[in-house]
Amino acid sequence: MDTVTLEPEVLDRIFHSISPEDRAQILSIGAAFHRLSLEKRLARAQSKLQAFQARYQTTLNHLEAEGLPDDADCTMHEDYVEWHYWSRVLKQTQSTLDALVAISPAPEPA
């Protein structure tokens, strides 16, 4: 499905032309679908962070406190940058997921 980009004013006008019940339904369904995507992104970020922790036998916080070792090679420097990236992805994704819970709570396990 293609994504349509609308100016905020147009989107606001369209959205407010819909009944409150339909708006709530649209938000709930959209949030549920988006939550699934975010949960996949969160799992990927967690996996990446765990892989770096296993590879270097430390956490990013500890590495930040201690600094990179003097003998760190180019690969470790590149991994350090990527490690930071995935840490940001994890934090931002978790923050968005936390906000979506109010709109679309996670389903109860069967």
PDB file of N, CA and C in Angstrom:
ATOM      1  N   MET A   1       0.835  -1.170   0.000  1.00  0.00           N
ATOM      2  CA  MET A   1       0.000   0.000   0.000  1.00  0.00           C
ATOM      3  C   MET A   1       0.885   1.240   0.000  1.00  0.00           C
ATOM      4  N   ASP A   2       0.580   2.183  -0.871  1.00  0.00           N
ATOM      5  CA  ASP A   2       1.340   3.419  -0.948  1.00  0.00           C
ATOM      6  C   ASP A   2       0.917   4.374   0.159  1.00  0.00           C
ATOM      7  N   THR A   3       1.881   5.132   0.657  1.00  0.00           N
ATOM      8  CA  THR A   3       1.595   6.130   1.675  1.00  0.00           C
ATOM      9  C   THR A   3       1.315   7.457   0.996  1.00  0.00           C
ATOM     10  N   VAL A   4       0.253   8.110   1.420  1.00  0.00           N
ATOM     11  CA  VAL A   4      -0.117   9.411   0.883  1.00  0.00           C
ATOM     12  C   VAL A   4       0.351  10.464   1.874  1.00  0.00           C
ATOM     13  N   THR A   5       1.037  11.477   1.383  1.00  0.00           N
ATOM     14  CA  THR A   5       1.488  12.569   2.232  1.00  0.00           C
ATOM     15  C   THR A   5       0.574  13.765   2.017  1.00  0.00           C
ATOM     16  N   LEU A   6       0.012  14.250   3.110  1.00  0.00           N
ATOM     17  CA  LEU A   6      -0.892  15.398   3.047  1.00  0.00           C
ATOM     18  C   LEU A   6      -0.353  16.521   3.916  1.00  0.00           C
ATOM     19  N   GLU A   7      -0.642  17.723   3.515  1.00  0.00           N
ATOM     20  CA  GLU A   7      -0.292  18.872   4.338  1.00  0.00           C
ATOM     21  C   GLU A   7      -1.072  18.771   5.653  1.00  0.00           C
ATOM     22  N   PRO A   8      -0.491  19.237   6.756  1.00  0.00           N
ATOM     23  CA  PRO A   8      -1.184  19.128   8.050  1.00  0.00           C
ATOM     24  C   PRO A   8      -2.575  19.748   8.053  1.00  0.00           C
ATOM     25  N   GLU A   9      -2.750  20.878   7.375  1.00  0.00           N
ATOM     26  CA  GLU A   9      -4.060  21.526   7.356  1.00  0.00           C
ATOM     27  C   GLU A   9      -5.090  20.665   6.634  1.00  0.00           C
ATOM     28  N   VAL A  10      -4.677  20.049   5.532  1.00  0.00           N
ATOM     29  CA  VAL A  10      -5.586  19.194   4.759  1.00  0.00           C
ATOM     30  C   VAL A  10      -5.940  17.960   5.583  1.00  0.00           C
ATOM     31  N   LEU A  11      -4.942  17.355   6.170  1.00  0.00           N
ATOM     32  CA  LEU A  11      -5.179  16.175   6.998  1.00  0.00           C
ATOM     33  C   LEU A  11      -6.117  16.504   8.160  1.00  0.00           C
ATOM     34  N   ASP A  12      -5.892  17.639   8.796  1.00  0.00           N
ATOM     35  CA  ASP A  12      -6.735  18.063   9.909  1.00  0.00           C
ATOM     36  C   ASP A  12      -8.183  18.253   9.448  1.00  0.00           C
ATOM     37  N   ARG A  13      -8.368  18.897   8.305  1.00  0.00           N
ATOM     38  CA  ARG A  13      -9.712  19.128   7.774  1.00  0.00           C
ATOM     39  C   ARG A  13     -10.408  17.808   7.469  1.00  0.00           C
ATOM     40  N   ILE A  14      -9.703  16.892   6.818  1.00  0.00           N
ATOM     41  CA  ILE A  14     -10.291  15.589   6.482  1.00  0.00           C
ATOM     42  C   ILE A  14     -10.626  14.820   7.752  1.00  0.00           C
ATOM     43  N   PHE A  15      -9.685  14.788   8.666  1.00  0.00           N
ATOM     44  CA  PHE A  15      -9.875  14.018   9.894  1.00  0.00           C
ATOM     45  C   PHE A  15     -11.062  14.533  10.704  1.00  0.00           C
ATOM     46  N   HIS A  16     -11.220  15.842  10.758  1.00  0.00           N
ATOM     47  CA  HIS A  16     -12.326  16.399  11.531  1.00  0.00           C
ATOM     48  C   HIS A  16     -13.670  16.323  10.807  1.00  0.00           C
ATOM     49  N   SER A  17     -13.654  15.957   9.531  1.00  0.00           N
ATOM     50  CA  SER A  17     -14.910  15.768   8.816  1.00  0.00           C
ATOM     51  C   SER A  17     -15.491  14.377   9.092  1.00  0.00           C
ATOM     52  N   ILE A  18     -14.720  13.535   9.741  1.00  0.00           N
ATOM     53  CA  ILE A  18     -15.143  12.167  10.069  1.00  0.00           C
ATOM     54  C   ILE A  18     -15.748  12.170  11.475  1.00  0.00           C
ATOM     55  N   SER A  19     -16.686  11.308  11.711  1.00  0.00           N
ATOM     56  CA  SER A  19     -17.325  11.250  13.036  1.00  0.00           C
ATOM     57  C   SER A  19     -16.299  10.871  14.111  1.00  0.00           C
ATOM     58  N   PRO A  20     -16.512  11.331  15.352  1.00  0.00           N
ATOM     59  CA  PRO A  20     -15.588  10.994  16.440  1.00  0.00           C
ATOM     60  C   PRO A  20     -15.395   9.483  16.623  1.00  0.00           C
ATOM     61  N   GLU A  21     -16.460   8.727  16.432  1.00  0.00           N
ATOM     62  CA  GLU A  21     -16.351   7.269  16.566  1.00  0.00           C
ATOM     63  C   GLU A  21     -15.415   6.689  15.504  1.00  0.00           C
ATOM     64  N   ASP A  22     -15.568   7.171  14.263  1.00  0.00           N
ATOM     65  CA  ASP A  22     -14.713   6.690  13.178  1.00  0.00           C
ATOM     66  C   ASP A  22     -13.263   7.140  13.378  1.00  0.00           C
ATOM     67  N   ARG A  23     -13.080   8.364  13.875  1.00  0.00           N
ATOM     68  CA  ARG A  23     -11.717   8.841  14.149  1.00  0.00           C
ATOM     69  C   ARG A  23     -11.049   7.940  15.175  1.00  0.00           C
ATOM     70  N   ALA A  24     -11.785   7.595  16.234  1.00  0.00           N
ATOM     71  CA  ALA A  24     -11.225   6.719  17.272  1.00  0.00           C
ATOM     72  C   ALA A  24     -10.876   5.352  16.688  1.00  0.00           C
ATOM     73  N   GLN A  25     -11.733   4.835  15.835  1.00  0.00           N
ATOM     74  CA  GLN A  25     -11.492   3.536  15.206  1.00  0.00           C
ATOM     75  C   GLN A  25     -10.260   3.584  14.300  1.00  0.00           C
ATOM     76  N   ILE A  26     -10.162   4.636  13.509  1.00  0.00           N
ATOM     77  CA  ILE A  26      -9.015   4.801  12.605  1.00  0.00           C
ATOM     78  C   ILE A  26      -7.718   4.875  13.404  1.00  0.00           C
ATOM     79  N   LEU A  27      -7.726   5.670  14.459  1.00  0.00           N
ATOM     80  CA  LEU A  27      -6.528   5.787  15.298  1.00  0.00           C
ATOM     81  C   LEU A  27      -6.168   4.465  15.947  1.00  0.00           C
ATOM     82  N   SER A  28      -7.147   3.766  16.447  1.00  0.00           N
ATOM     83  CA  SER A  28      -6.897   2.499  17.122  1.00  0.00           C
ATOM     84  C   SER A  28      -6.319   1.455  16.171  1.00  0.00           C
ATOM     85  N   ILE A  29      -6.926   1.324  15.005  1.00  0.00           N
ATOM     86  CA  ILE A  29      -6.455   0.339  14.023  1.00  0.00           C
ATOM     87  C   ILE A  29      -5.080   0.738  13.485  1.00  0.00           C
ATOM     88  N   GLY A  30      -4.921   2.005  13.158  1.00  0.00           N
ATOM     89  CA  GLY A  30      -3.616   2.471  12.665  1.00  0.00           C
ATOM     90  C   GLY A  30      -2.522   2.292  13.698  1.00  0.00           C
ATOM     91  N   ALA A  31      -2.840   2.585  14.946  1.00  0.00           N
ATOM     92  CA  ALA A  31      -1.858   2.423  16.020  1.00  0.00           C
ATOM     93  C   ALA A  31      -1.491   0.956  16.197  1.00  0.00           C
ATOM     94  N   ALA A  32      -2.469   0.065  16.072  1.00  0.00           N
ATOM     95  CA  ALA A  32      -2.201  -1.365  16.219  1.00  0.00           C
ATOM     96  C   ALA A  32      -1.245  -1.850  15.127  1.00  0.00           C
ATOM     97  N   PHE A  33      -1.484  -1.444  13.889  1.00  0.00           N
ATOM     98  CA  PHE A  33      -0.594  -1.841  12.799  1.00  0.00           C
ATOM     99  C   PHE A  33       0.798  -1.238  12.971  1.00  0.00           C
ATOM    100  N   HIS A  34       0.837   0.018  13.344  1.00  0.00           N
ATOM    101  CA  HIS A  34       2.131   0.679  13.532  1.00  0.00           C
ATOM    102  C   HIS A  34       2.882   0.055  14.706  1.00  0.00           C
ATOM    103  N   ARG A  35       2.148  -0.326  15.748  1.00  0.00           N
ATOM    104  CA  ARG A  35       2.775  -0.970  16.903  1.00  0.00           C
ATOM    105  C   ARG A  35       3.492  -2.256  16.493  1.00  0.00           C
ATOM    106  N   LEU A  36       2.879  -3.034  15.602  1.00  0.00           N
ATOM    107  CA  LEU A  36       3.518  -4.267  15.129  1.00  0.00           C
ATOM    108  C   LEU A  36       4.855  -3.963  14.449  1.00  0.00           C
ATOM    109  N   SER A  37       4.862  -2.937  13.623  1.00  0.00           N
ATOM    110  CA  SER A  37       6.089  -2.531  12.946  1.00  0.00           C
ATOM    111  C   SER A  37       7.142  -2.078  13.957  1.00  0.00           C
ATOM    112  N   LEU A  38       6.709  -1.305  14.928  1.00  0.00           N
ATOM    113  CA  LEU A  38       7.635  -0.816  15.953  1.00  0.00           C
ATOM    114  C   LEU A  38       8.178  -1.953  16.814  1.00  0.00           C
ATOM    115  N   GLU A  39       7.346  -2.942  17.100  1.00  0.00           N
ATOM    116  CA  GLU A  39       7.807  -4.083  17.897  1.00  0.00           C
ATOM    117  C   GLU A  39       8.888  -4.861  17.158  1.00  0.00           C
ATOM    118  N   LYS A  40       8.759  -4.978  15.839  1.00  0.00           N
ATOM    119  CA  LYS A  40       9.800  -5.629  15.041  1.00  0.00           C
ATOM    120  C   LYS A  40      11.089  -4.814  15.079  1.00  0.00           C
ATOM    121  N   ARG A  41      10.968  -3.490  14.950  1.00  0.00           N
ATOM    122  CA  ARG A  41      12.135  -2.617  15.004  1.00  0.00           C
ATOM    123  C   ARG A  41      12.806  -2.704  16.380  1.00  0.00           C
ATOM    124  N   LEU A  42      12.000  -2.745  17.425  1.00  0.00           N
ATOM    125  CA  LEU A  42      12.531  -2.849  18.779  1.00  0.00           C
ATOM    126  C   LEU A  42      13.296  -4.164  18.958  1.00  0.00           C
ATOM    127  N   ALA A  43      12.733  -5.253  18.466  1.00  0.00           N
ATOM    128  CA  ALA A  43      13.407  -6.554  18.563  1.00  0.00           C
ATOM    129  C   ALA A  43      14.730  -6.541  17.806  1.00  0.00           C
ATOM    130  N   ARG A  44      14.746  -5.911  16.647  1.00  0.00           N
ATOM    131  CA  ARG A  44      15.986  -5.837  15.871  1.00  0.00           C
ATOM    132  C   ARG A  44      17.036  -5.006  16.611  1.00  0.00           C
ATOM    133  N   ALA A  45      16.631  -3.883  17.183  1.00  0.00           N
ATOM    134  CA  ALA A  45      17.562  -3.040  17.931  1.00  0.00           C
ATOM    135  C   ALA A  45      18.110  -3.800  19.138  1.00  0.00           C
ATOM    136  N   GLN A  46      17.238  -4.501  19.848  1.00  0.00           N
ATOM    137  CA  GLN A  46      17.694  -5.284  21.001  1.00  0.00           C
ATOM    138  C   GLN A  46      18.688  -6.352  20.576  1.00  0.00           C
ATOM    139  N   SER A  47      18.416  -6.994  19.463  1.00  0.00           N
ATOM    140  CA  SER A  47      19.316  -8.028  18.949  1.00  0.00           C
ATOM    141  C   SER A  47      20.682  -7.449  18.591  1.00  0.00           C
ATOM    142  N   LYS A  48      20.676  -6.307  17.927  1.00  0.00           N
ATOM    143  CA  LYS A  48      21.942  -5.653  17.552  1.00  0.00           C
ATOM    144  C   LYS A  48      22.737  -5.278  18.796  1.00  0.00           C
ATOM    145  N   LEU A  49      22.062  -4.701  19.794  1.00  0.00           N
ATOM    146  CA  LEU A  49      22.753  -4.295  21.020  1.00  0.00           C
ATOM    147  C   LEU A  49      23.326  -5.504  21.754  1.00  0.00           C
ATOM    148  N   GLN A  50      22.563  -6.587  21.807  1.00  0.00           N
ATOM    149  CA  GLN A  50      23.047  -7.801  22.458  1.00  0.00           C
ATOM    150  C   GLN A  50      24.259  -8.379  21.729  1.00  0.00           C
ATOM    151  N   ALA A  51      24.255  -8.289  20.407  1.00  0.00           N
ATOM    152  CA  ALA A  51      25.388  -8.796  19.630  1.00  0.00           C
ATOM    153  C   ALA A  51      26.656  -7.996  19.931  1.00  0.00           C
ATOM    154  N   PHE A  52      26.533  -6.668  20.025  1.00  0.00           N
ATOM    155  CA  PHE A  52      27.702  -5.846  20.369  1.00  0.00           C
ATOM    156  C   PHE A  52      28.181  -6.159  21.788  1.00  0.00           C
ATOM    157  N   GLN A  53      27.243  -6.322  22.712  1.00  0.00           N
ATOM    158  CA  GLN A  53      27.623  -6.637  24.085  1.00  0.00           C
ATOM    159  C   GLN A  53      28.354  -7.984  24.155  1.00  0.00           C
ATOM    160  N   ALA A  54      27.877  -8.953  23.402  1.00  0.00           N
ATOM    161  CA  ALA A  54      28.529 -10.261  23.380  1.00  0.00           C
ATOM    162  C   ALA A  54      29.905 -10.181  22.715  1.00  0.00           C
ATOM    163  N   ARG A  55      30.003  -9.443  21.618  1.00  0.00           N
ATOM    164  CA  ARG A  55      31.263  -9.332  20.888  1.00  0.00           C
ATOM    165  C   ARG A  55      32.343  -8.668  21.738  1.00  0.00           C
ATOM    166  N   TYR A  56      31.982  -7.618  22.452  1.00  0.00           N
ATOM    167  CA  TYR A  56      32.976  -6.847  23.202  1.00  0.00           C
ATOM    168  C   TYR A  56      32.933  -7.105  24.708  1.00  0.00           C
ATOM    169  N   GLN A  57      32.043  -7.986  25.138  1.00  0.00           N
ATOM    170  CA  GLN A  57      31.945  -8.369  26.544  1.00  0.00           C
ATOM    171  C   GLN A  57      31.811  -7.158  27.472  1.00  0.00           C
ATOM    172  N   THR A  58      31.000  -6.195  27.063  1.00  0.00           N
ATOM    173  CA  THR A  58      30.749  -4.998  27.863  1.00  0.00           C
ATOM    174  C   THR A  58      29.459  -4.359  27.395  1.00  0.00           C
ATOM    175  N   THR A  59      29.011  -3.362  28.119  1.00  0.00           N
ATOM    176  CA  THR A  59      27.826  -2.602  27.714  1.00  0.00           C
ATOM    177  C   THR A  59      28.274  -1.274  27.132  1.00  0.00           C
ATOM    178  N   LEU A  60      27.386  -0.631  26.414  1.00  0.00           N
ATOM    179  CA  LEU A  60      27.697   0.676  25.856  1.00  0.00           C
ATOM    180  C   LEU A  60      27.931   1.688  26.969  1.00  0.00           C
ATOM    181  N   ASN A  61      27.133   1.622  28.029  1.00  0.00           N
ATOM    182  CA  ASN A  61      27.324   2.545  29.159  1.00  0.00           C
ATOM    183  C   ASN A  61      28.710   2.392  29.774  1.00  0.00           C
ATOM    184  N   HIS A  62      29.154   1.157  29.938  1.00  0.00           N
ATOM    185  CA  HIS A  62      30.484   0.922  30.504  1.00  0.00           C
ATOM    186  C   HIS A  62      31.561   1.438  29.558  1.00  0.00           C
ATOM    187  N   LEU A  63      31.379   1.192  28.283  1.00  0.00           N
ATOM    188  CA  LEU A  63      32.337   1.667  27.285  1.00  0.00           C
ATOM    189  C   LEU A  63      32.380   3.189  27.266  1.00  0.00           C
ATOM    190  N   GLU A  64      31.226   3.818  27.421  1.00  0.00           N
ATOM    191  CA  GLU A  64      31.177   5.279  27.487  1.00  0.00           C
ATOM    192  C   GLU A  64      31.950   5.792  28.703  1.00  0.00           C
ATOM    193  N   ALA A  65      31.796   5.129  29.824  1.00  0.00           N
ATOM    194  CA  ALA A  65      32.463   5.556  31.055  1.00  0.00           C
ATOM    195  C   ALA A  65      33.979   5.351  30.977  1.00  0.00           C
ATOM    196  N   GLU A  66      34.384   4.241  30.377  1.00  0.00           N
ATOM    197  CA  GLU A  66      35.806   3.884  30.322  1.00  0.00           C
ATOM    198  C   GLU A  66      36.509   4.409  29.068  1.00  0.00           C
ATOM    199  N   GLY A  67      35.744   4.648  28.020  1.00  0.00           N
ATOM    200  CA  GLY A  67      36.337   5.038  26.742  1.00  0.00           C
ATOM    201  C   GLY A  67      36.776   3.815  25.959  1.00  0.00           C
ATOM    202  N   LEU A  68      37.025   4.029  24.684  1.00  0.00           N
ATOM    203  CA  LEU A  68      37.513   2.924  23.846  1.00  0.00           C
ATOM    204  C   LEU A  68      38.919   2.544  24.284  1.00  0.00           C
ATOM    205  N   PRO A  69      39.254   1.264  24.198  1.00  0.00           N
ATOM    206  CA  PRO A  69      40.619   0.852  24.546  1.00  0.00           C
ATOM    207  C   PRO A  69      41.632   1.520  23.620  1.00  0.00           C
ATOM    208  N   ASP A  70      42.836   1.716  24.109  1.00  0.00           N
ATOM    209  CA  ASP A  70      43.895   2.339  23.305  1.00  0.00           C
ATOM    210  C   ASP A  70      44.209   1.530  22.050  1.00  0.00           C
ATOM    211  N   ASP A  71      44.023   0.219  22.118  1.00  0.00           N
ATOM    212  CA  ASP A  71      44.347  -0.635  20.978  1.00  0.00           C
ATOM    213  C   ASP A  71      43.124  -0.931  20.097  1.00  0.00           C
ATOM    214  N   ALA A  72      42.059  -0.130  20.221  1.00  0.00           N
ATOM    215  CA  ALA A  72      40.850  -0.345  19.419  1.00  0.00           C
ATOM    216  C   ALA A  72      41.165  -0.148  17.937  1.00  0.00           C
ATOM    217  N   ASP A  73      40.716  -1.108  17.127  1.00  0.00           N
ATOM    218  CA  ASP A  73      40.963  -1.019  15.687  1.00  0.00           C
ATOM    219  C   ASP A  73      39.807  -0.294  14.996  1.00  0.00           C
ATOM    220  N   CYS A  74      39.922  -0.167  13.683  1.00  0.00           N
ATOM    221  CA  CYS A  74      38.882   0.536  12.904  1.00  0.00           C
ATOM    222  C   CYS A  74      37.523  -0.143  13.036  1.00  0.00           C
ATOM    223  N   THR A  75      37.510  -1.464  13.083  1.00  0.00           N
ATOM    224  CA  THR A  75      36.253  -2.197  13.215  1.00  0.00           C
ATOM    225  C   THR A  75      35.561  -1.838  14.517  1.00  0.00           C
ATOM    226  N   MET A  76      36.319  -1.744  15.595  1.00  0.00           N
ATOM    227  CA  MET A  76      35.709  -1.403  16.876  1.00  0.00           C
ATOM    228  C   MET A  76      35.168   0.027  16.849  1.00  0.00           C
ATOM    229  N   HIS A  77      35.891   0.931  16.215  1.00  0.00           N
ATOM    230  CA  HIS A  77      35.404   2.309  16.097  1.00  0.00           C
ATOM    231  C   HIS A  77      34.106   2.359  15.295  1.00  0.00           C
ATOM    232  N   GLU A  78      34.044   1.614  14.199  1.00  0.00           N
ATOM    233  CA  GLU A  78      32.829   1.567  13.387  1.00  0.00           C
ATOM    234  C   GLU A  78      31.677   0.934  14.171  1.00  0.00           C
ATOM    235  N   ASP A  79      31.986  -0.141  14.892  1.00  0.00           N
ATOM    236  CA  ASP A  79      30.966  -0.790  15.716  1.00  0.00           C
ATOM    237  C   ASP A  79      30.460   0.150  16.808  1.00  0.00           C
ATOM    238  N   TYR A  80      31.351   0.935  17.356  1.00  0.00           N
ATOM    239  CA  TYR A  80      30.993   1.886  18.412  1.00  0.00           C
ATOM    240  C   TYR A  80      29.959   2.896  17.888  1.00  0.00           C
ATOM    241  N   VAL A  81      30.178   3.388  16.679  1.00  0.00           N
ATOM    242  CA  VAL A  81      29.235   4.326  16.062  1.00  0.00           C
ATOM    243  C   VAL A  81      27.894   3.628  15.816  1.00  0.00           C
ATOM    244  N   GLU A  82      27.947   2.412  15.284  1.00  0.00           N
ATOM    245  CA  GLU A  82      26.714   1.671  15.012  1.00  0.00           C
ATOM    246  C   GLU A  82      26.006   1.297  16.322  1.00  0.00           C
ATOM    247  N   TRP A  83      26.768   0.991  17.344  1.00  0.00           N
ATOM    248  CA  TRP A  83      26.221   0.660  18.656  1.00  0.00           C
ATOM    249  C   TRP A  83      25.395   1.835  19.179  1.00  0.00           C
ATOM    250  N   HIS A  84      25.935   3.035  19.035  1.00  0.00           N
ATOM    251  CA  HIS A  84      25.204   4.237  19.432  1.00  0.00           C
ATOM    252  C   HIS A  84      23.917   4.390  18.616  1.00  0.00           C
ATOM    253  N   TYR A  85      24.010   4.143  17.316  1.00  0.00           N
ATOM    254  CA  TYR A  85      22.837   4.249  16.456  1.00  0.00           C
ATOM    255  C   TYR A  85      21.723   3.333  16.968  1.00  0.00           C
ATOM    256  N   TRP A  86      22.035   2.050  17.194  1.00  0.00           N
ATOM    257  CA  TRP A  86      21.023   1.101  17.621  1.00  0.00           C
ATOM    258  C   TRP A  86      20.510   1.424  19.021  1.00  0.00           C
ATOM    259  N   SER A  87      21.331   2.012  19.852  1.00  0.00           N
ATOM    260  CA  SER A  87      20.885   2.448  21.167  1.00  0.00           C
ATOM    261  C   SER A  87      19.832   3.547  21.036  1.00  0.00           C
ATOM    262  N   ARG A  88      20.064   4.501  20.124  1.00  0.00           N
ATOM    263  CA  ARG A  88      19.077   5.563  19.871  1.00  0.00           C
ATOM    264  C   ARG A  88      17.791   4.990  19.287  1.00  0.00           C
ATOM    265  N   VAL A  89      17.932   4.058  18.350  1.00  0.00           N
ATOM    266  CA  VAL A  89      16.757   3.420  17.747  1.00  0.00           C
ATOM    267  C   VAL A  89      15.927   2.749  18.838  1.00  0.00           C
ATOM    268  N   LEU A  90      16.586   2.030  19.734  1.00  0.00           N
ATOM    269  CA  LEU A  90      15.887   1.349  20.811  1.00  0.00           C
ATOM    270  C   LEU A  90      15.124   2.345  21.684  1.00  0.00           C
ATOM    271  N   LYS A  91      15.774   3.412  22.098  1.00  0.00           N
ATOM    272  CA  LYS A  91      15.142   4.401  22.980  1.00  0.00           C
ATOM    273  C   LYS A  91      13.972   5.096  22.288  1.00  0.00           C
ATOM    274  N   GLN A  92      14.172   5.523  21.037  1.00  0.00           N
ATOM    275  CA  GLN A  92      13.103   6.224  20.320  1.00  0.00           C
ATOM    276  C   GLN A  92      11.920   5.303  20.038  1.00  0.00           C
ATOM    277  N   THR A  93      12.225   4.070  19.661  1.00  0.00           N
ATOM    278  CA  THR A  93      11.159   3.118  19.352  1.00  0.00           C
ATOM    279  C   THR A  93      10.369   2.783  20.611  1.00  0.00           C
ATOM    280  N   GLN A  94      11.063   2.566  21.721  1.00  0.00           N
ATOM    281  CA  GLN A  94      10.376   2.256  22.970  1.00  0.00           C
ATOM    282  C   GLN A  94       9.497   3.430  23.408  1.00  0.00           C
ATOM    283  N   SER A  95       9.997   4.636  23.220  1.00  0.00           N
ATOM    284  CA  SER A  95       9.228   5.825  23.579  1.00  0.00           C
ATOM    285  C   SER A  95       7.943   5.916  22.755  1.00  0.00           C
ATOM    286  N   THR A  96       8.042   5.660  21.473  1.00  0.00           N
ATOM    287  CA  THR A  96       6.863   5.691  20.609  1.00  0.00           C
ATOM    288  C   THR A  96       5.888   4.579  20.982  1.00  0.00           C
ATOM    289  N   LEU A  97       6.413   3.386  21.246  1.00  0.00           N
ATOM    290  CA  LEU A  97       5.549   2.279  21.663  1.00  0.00           C
ATOM    291  C   LEU A  97       4.820   2.607  22.958  1.00  0.00           C
ATOM    292  N   ASP A  98       5.518   3.197  23.900  1.00  0.00           N
ATOM    293  CA  ASP A  98       4.892   3.578  25.171  1.00  0.00           C
ATOM    294  C   ASP A  98       3.742   4.549  24.936  1.00  0.00           C
ATOM    295  N   ALA A  99       3.917   5.485  24.006  1.00  0.00           N
ATOM    296  CA  ALA A  99       2.861   6.457  23.705  1.00  0.00           C
ATOM    297  C   ALA A  99       1.671   5.784  23.019  1.00  0.00           C
ATOM    298  N   LEU A 100       1.929   4.791  22.185  1.00  0.00           N
ATOM    299  CA  LEU A 100       0.848   4.120  21.459  1.00  0.00           C
ATOM    300  C   LEU A 100      -0.004   3.230  22.350  1.00  0.00           C
ATOM    301  N   VAL A 101       0.518   2.820  23.484  1.00  0.00           N
ATOM    302  CA  VAL A 101      -0.241   1.952  24.382  1.00  0.00           C
ATOM    303  C   VAL A 101      -1.557   2.618  24.789  1.00  0.00           C
ATOM    304  N   ALA A 102      -1.555   3.932  24.933  1.00  0.00           N
ATOM    305  CA  ALA A 102      -2.781   4.650  25.309  1.00  0.00           C
ATOM    306  C   ALA A 102      -3.848   4.551  24.216  1.00  0.00           C
ATOM    307  N   ILE A 103      -3.404   4.467  22.967  1.00  0.00           N
ATOM    308  CA  ILE A 103      -4.341   4.406  21.848  1.00  0.00           C
ATOM    309  C   ILE A 103      -4.734   2.964  21.543  1.00  0.00           C
ATOM    310  N   SER A 104      -3.749   2.084  21.596  1.00  0.00           N
ATOM    311  CA  SER A 104      -3.976   0.701  21.194  1.00  0.00           C
ATOM    312  C   SER A 104      -3.175  -0.228  22.090  1.00  0.00           C
ATOM    313  N   PRO A 105      -3.761  -0.637  23.224  1.00  0.00           N
ATOM    314  CA  PRO A 105      -3.033  -1.531  24.120  1.00  0.00           C
ATOM    315  C   PRO A 105      -2.690  -2.848  23.447  1.00  0.00           C
ATOM    316  N   ALA A 106      -1.591  -3.454  23.877  1.00  0.00           N
ATOM    317  CA  ALA A 106      -1.173  -4.742  23.318  1.00  0.00           C
ATOM    318  C   ALA A 106      -2.238  -5.795  23.638  1.00  0.00           C
ATOM    319  N   PRO A 107      -2.493  -6.704  22.705  1.00  0.00           N
ATOM    320  CA  PRO A 107      -3.500  -7.731  22.961  1.00  0.00           C
ATOM    321  C   PRO A 107      -3.045  -8.680  24.067  1.00  0.00           C
ATOM    322  N   GLU A 108      -4.011  -9.213  24.790  1.00  0.00           N
ATOM    323  CA  GLU A 108      -3.709 -10.195  25.843  1.00  0.00           C
ATOM    324  C   GLU A 108      -3.282 -11.501  25.188  1.00  0.00           C
ATOM    325  N   PRO A 109      -2.257 -12.184  25.751  1.00  0.00           N
ATOM    326  CA  PRO A 109      -1.856 -13.476  25.190  1.00  0.00           C
ATOM    327  C   PRO A 109      -2.991 -14.500  25.312  1.00  0.00           C
ATOM    328  N   ALA A 110      -3.091 -15.358  24.310  1.00  0.00           N
ATOM    329  CA  ALA A 110      -4.161 -16.355  24.296  1.00  0.00           C
ATOM    330  C   ALA A 110      -3.871 -17.506  25.225  1.00  0.00           C
TER     331      ALA A 110
END
